[in-house]
């Protein structure tokens, strides 16, 4: 027959096991939630990258017809919707060249050294990740 002390020890052991199992389950659930979030973010990124040529076409249309209200409104609506997911354009013109955000496709003697003189193609970020660098012309003296 077991003594009270051995029974209390056994209860304590099983209680500890239950606590550990619960912690293990909680950790598993949190890991799966992170995994689902990562999958959603990658899916969003791929979808948004697929929309970039459409934004480029709208930007091109606006360059050719700057007074086109329809193109401007459509571009604004697309950017507003995408911004809800952390999408934002990269600032380029007039900024200091940063290879993380910008890709120099040409250098010109016009403008200050290391400063972006012109943006050829817009770059974009999704949250803290660059999904496309800005294609730029950089000043060099």
Protein backbone atom coordinates (compact mmCIF):
# COMPACT_ATOMS: atom_id res chain seq x y z
CA UNK A 1 0.00 0.00 0.00
CA UNK A 2 1.28 3.46 -0.97
CA UNK A 3 1.94 6.05 1.62
CA UNK A 4 0.42 9.51 1.54
CA UNK A 5 3.83 10.98 0.74
CA UNK A 6 4.33 8.71 -2.26
CA UNK A 7 0.80 9.47 -3.49
CA UNK A 8 1.41 13.22 -3.11
CA UNK A 9 4.68 12.82 -4.96
CA UNK A 10 2.91 10.93 -7.74
CA UNK A 11 0.18 13.59 -7.95
CA UNK A 12 2.85 16.28 -8.13
CA UNK A 13 4.63 14.37 -10.91
CA UNK A 14 1.44 14.02 -13.00
CA UNK A 15 0.48 17.63 -12.36
CA UNK A 16 3.90 18.68 -13.63
CA UNK A 17 3.44 16.47 -16.70
CA UNK A 18 0.07 18.08 -17.45
CA UNK A 19 1.59 21.56 -17.15
CA UNK A 20 4.43 20.59 -19.50
CA UNK A 21 2.05 19.05 -22.04
CA UNK A 22 -0.15 22.15 -21.95
CA UNK A 23 2.91 24.36 -22.55
CA UNK A 24 3.97 22.11 -25.42
CA UNK A 25 0.50 22.38 -26.99
CA UNK A 26 0.51 26.17 -26.56
CA UNK A 27 3.92 26.39 -28.25
CA UNK A 28 2.72 24.17 -31.10
CA UNK A 29 -0.38 26.33 -31.63
CA UNK A 30 1.72 29.52 -31.65
CA UNK A 31 4.17 27.99 -34.14
CA UNK A 32 1.31 27.00 -36.45
CA UNK A 33 -0.22 30.48 -36.19
CA UNK A 34 3.15 32.01 -37.20
CA UNK A 35 3.39 29.53 -40.07
CA UNK A 36 -0.08 30.46 -41.35
CA UNK A 37 0.77 34.17 -41.07
CA UNK A 38 3.99 33.64 -43.06
CA UNK A 39 2.12 31.73 -45.76
CA UNK A 40 -0.43 34.54 -46.02
CA UNK A 41 2.31 37.16 -46.27
CA UNK A 42 4.10 35.24 -49.03
CA UNK A 43 0.81 34.81 -50.89
CA UNK A 44 0.14 38.56 -50.56
CA UNK A 45 3.66 39.34 -51.75
CA UNK A 46 3.30 37.18 -54.85
CA UNK A 47 -0.10 38.68 -55.66
CA UNK A 48 1.17 42.23 -55.20
CA UNK A 49 4.28 41.52 -57.32
CA UNK A 50 1.90 40.37 -60.05
CA UNK A 51 0.13 43.74 -59.90
CA UNK A 52 3.31 45.80 -60.35
CA UNK A 53 3.17 45.73 -64.19
CA UNK A 54 -0.35 47.17 -63.97
CA UNK A 55 0.90 50.02 -61.77
CA UNK A 56 3.77 50.55 -64.23
CA UNK A 57 1.29 50.80 -67.11
CA UNK A 58 -0.81 53.32 -65.20
CA UNK A 59 2.32 55.36 -64.37
CA UNK A 60 3.30 55.28 -68.03
CA UNK A 61 -0.18 56.45 -69.04
CA UNK A 62 0.06 59.29 -66.53
CA UNK A 63 3.44 60.34 -67.97
CA UNK A 64 1.94 60.49 -71.46
CA UNK A 65 -1.30 62.13 -70.31
CA UNK A 66 -0.67 63.86 -66.97
CA UNK A 67 -4.22 65.25 -66.92
CA UNK A 68 -5.82 61.79 -67.14
CA UNK A 69 -8.13 61.77 -64.15
CA UNK A 70 -9.22 58.17 -64.67
CA UNK A 71 -5.68 56.78 -64.54
CA UNK A 72 -4.89 58.90 -61.50
CA UNK A 73 -8.01 57.76 -59.67
CA UNK A 74 -7.42 54.09 -60.51
CA UNK A 75 -3.79 54.33 -59.38
CA UNK A 76 -4.85 56.01 -56.16
CA UNK A 77 -7.45 53.33 -55.45
CA UNK A 78 -5.00 50.50 -56.10
CA UNK A 79 -2.37 52.08 -53.84
CA UNK A 80 -4.95 52.70 -51.10
CA UNK A 81 -6.07 49.07 -51.11
CA UNK A 82 -2.52 47.71 -51.22
CA UNK A 83 -1.38 50.05 -48.44
CA UNK A 84 -3.72 48.18 -46.09
CA UNK A 85 -1.36 45.22 -46.49
CA UNK A 86 1.79 47.25 -45.84
CA UNK A 87 2.55 48.11 -49.48
CA UNK A 88 4.24 51.44 -50.10
CA UNK A 89 6.35 53.11 -52.79
CA UNK A 90 10.05 53.71 -52.19
CA UNK A 91 11.10 57.35 -52.17
CA UNK A 92 13.78 57.95 -54.77
CA UNK A 93 14.12 61.29 -56.58
CA UNK A 94 16.22 63.73 -54.58
CA UNK A 95 17.21 61.03 -52.07
CA UNK A 96 20.71 59.71 -51.38
CA UNK A 97 21.37 56.52 -53.34
CA UNK A 98 20.96 53.39 -51.19
CA UNK A 99 21.61 50.04 -52.92
CA UNK A 100 19.11 48.33 -50.62
CA UNK A 101 16.27 50.46 -52.04
CA UNK A 102 17.65 51.65 -55.38
CA UNK A 103 19.26 50.16 -58.47
CA UNK A 104 21.48 52.55 -60.41
CA UNK A 105 20.96 52.01 -64.11
CA UNK A 106 22.92 55.08 -65.16
CA UNK A 107 25.14 57.85 -63.83
CA UNK A 108 25.03 61.49 -64.87
CA UNK A 109 27.21 64.52 -64.19
CA UNK A 110 24.06 66.53 -63.51
CA UNK A 111 23.16 66.65 -59.85
CA UNK A 112 24.99 66.13 -56.60
CA UNK A 113 27.31 63.20 -56.03
CA UNK A 114 25.44 60.11 -54.83
CA UNK A 115 22.03 61.76 -55.09
CA UNK A 116 19.23 60.36 -57.23
CA UNK A 117 18.56 62.67 -60.15
CA UNK A 118 15.78 60.72 -61.86
CA UNK A 119 13.60 57.71 -61.19
CA UNK A 120 13.08 55.48 -64.22
CA UNK A 121 10.92 52.82 -62.56
CA UNK A 122 9.21 52.99 -59.17
CA UNK A 123 10.30 50.64 -56.43
CA UNK A 124 8.02 49.24 -53.76
CA UNK A 125 8.11 47.74 -50.29
CA UNK A 126 5.79 45.31 -48.57
CA UNK A 127 6.06 45.98 -44.85
CA UNK A 128 9.82 46.04 -44.21
CA UNK A 129 10.81 44.07 -47.32
CA UNK A 130 11.77 45.50 -50.69
CA UNK A 131 9.75 43.71 -53.36
CA UNK A 132 11.26 45.77 -56.19
CA UNK A 133 14.08 48.30 -56.09
CA UNK A 134 13.65 51.69 -57.74
CA UNK A 135 15.52 51.97 -61.05
CA UNK A 136 17.33 55.30 -60.88
CA UNK A 137 19.88 57.64 -62.41
CA UNK A 138 22.47 58.84 -59.91
CA UNK A 139 24.47 62.07 -59.96
CA UNK A 140 28.27 61.87 -59.97
CA UNK A 141 30.76 64.70 -59.88
